[in-house]
Amino acid sequence: MKTTLMFLKGAVRTGILLFFLLSQAYSQTNEIPLLSGIESSDLIYIENDTVTLTDSIVITDADDLSLASAAVKIDSNYQCGADVLSFMDTEHIFGAWDTATRVLSLTGNATVEEYINALRNVTYRNTGDSVSVLLRKVVFTVSDGKDYSNEISRKIAVTGVNDPPVI
């Protein structure tokens, strides 16, 4: 009887310890990814060019080695049908530009470093002949599949070119 009682006490202790460890594993909160390091100066864009939005954006995520998605949005002064964000697909990240929402979506399970490189390769171009010179604001976000990061932005200063007349 004494042996059975000691066995039960040990099993209860083990069960309580196991419950505590499992509850700790499931109760940990997700650390959101953080964006930083984007240039503070306006990006200079001259009509008919294609420019990379940033060379310095940084992503950190304290508890994830990979990310699930990113979004780049022309947030202000969007010229519908003329302003375009582009990205060349990689092995793990695929881009899609949506003119209605003004969002370039990047998706695919890839490392943080791959997403940094992807965001550093997003380009802007205005394809119109009558370019609006209003300052654009482009907003960046990423997601680890659980939470979205903070938003950071950069402005684009657009300069029009006096195109020669077409005869």
Foldseek 3Di string as FASTA:
>chain_A
DVVVVVVVVVVVVVVVVVVVVVVVVVPDDFFWKAKDFFDAAAAEAEAPDKDFRGDTIAIDGPPDFKFFKKKKAFDPPDDQPFKDKDFDDDPFWDWDADSVRRMIMIGGIDGRVVVVVRSRRIMIHGRDQDDDQDKIKMWMWTGRVPDIYDIDIHIHGYDYDDDDDDD
